[in-house]
Amino acid sequence: MILTISTQLMRCSVDREGNESLSLLLALGKLNVSLLLALDGLLLDFYHSFDSSS
């Protein structure tokens, strides 16, 4: 997780086309989406295990 964030930030800082901020925003957006999807999956697993135990 930390490794992928650091590689994305390095890629943005190495980019010399003048769109560093755009690529950084895209990287952060992808990170936010992946975090939300992971949290959603964890919550679904939690609810399913809670439902099956009752």
Protein backbone atom coordinates (compact mmCIF):
# COMPACT_ATOMS: atom_id res chain seq x y z
CA MET A 1 0.00 0.00 0.00
CA ILE A 2 2.65 2.54 1.05
CA LEU A 3 4.89 1.25 -1.74
CA THR A 4 2.28 1.87 -4.44
CA ILE A 5 1.60 5.38 -3.12
CA SER A 6 5.31 6.25 -3.14
CA THR A 7 5.81 4.89 -6.68
CA GLN A 8 2.82 6.88 -7.94
CA LEU A 9 4.16 10.05 -6.32
CA MET A 10 7.62 9.42 -7.78
CA ARG A 11 6.12 8.90 -11.23
CA CYS A 12 4.26 12.22 -10.90
CA SER A 13 7.38 14.09 -9.80
CA VAL A 14 9.47 12.61 -12.63
CA ASP A 15 6.84 13.61 -15.21
CA ARG A 16 8.20 16.64 -17.09
CA GLU A 17 5.28 17.43 -19.40
CA GLY A 18 3.89 20.18 -17.17
CA ASN A 19 0.90 18.16 -15.96
CA GLU A 20 2.29 16.97 -12.63
CA SER A 21 -0.71 18.25 -10.69
CA LEU A 22 -3.14 16.51 -13.04
CA SER A 23 -1.33 13.18 -12.82
CA LEU A 24 -1.09 13.56 -9.05
CA LEU A 25 -4.83 14.20 -8.82
CA LEU A 26 -5.50 11.14 -10.99
CA ALA A 27 -3.24 9.00 -8.80
CA LEU A 28 -4.95 10.23 -5.64
CA GLY A 29 -8.36 9.66 -7.22
CA LYS A 30 -7.46 6.07 -8.10
CA LEU A 31 -6.14 5.59 -4.58
CA ASN A 32 -9.37 6.91 -3.06
CA VAL A 33 -11.47 4.65 -5.29
CA SER A 34 -9.41 1.58 -4.43
CA LEU A 35 -9.61 2.41 -0.71
CA LEU A 36 -13.39 2.81 -0.94
CA LEU A 37 -13.74 -0.48 -2.80
CA ALA A 38 -11.58 -2.26 -0.21
CA LEU A 39 -13.61 -0.78 2.65
CA ASP A 40 -16.84 -1.73 0.89
CA GLY A 41 -15.64 -5.32 0.52
CA LEU A 42 -14.62 -5.49 4.17
CA LEU A 43 -17.99 -4.13 5.29
CA LEU A 44 -19.83 -6.64 3.10
CA ASP A 45 -17.76 -9.50 4.54
CA PHE A 46 -18.46 -8.23 8.06
CA TYR A 47 -22.22 -8.01 7.47
CA HIS A 48 -22.35 -11.46 5.87
CA SER A 49 -20.46 -13.06 8.75
CA PHE A 50 -22.71 -11.23 11.24
CA ASP A 51 -25.87 -12.38 9.45
CA SER A 52 -24.76 -16.00 9.25
CA SER A 53 -23.85 -16.12 12.96
CA SER A 54 -27.33 -15.07 14.13
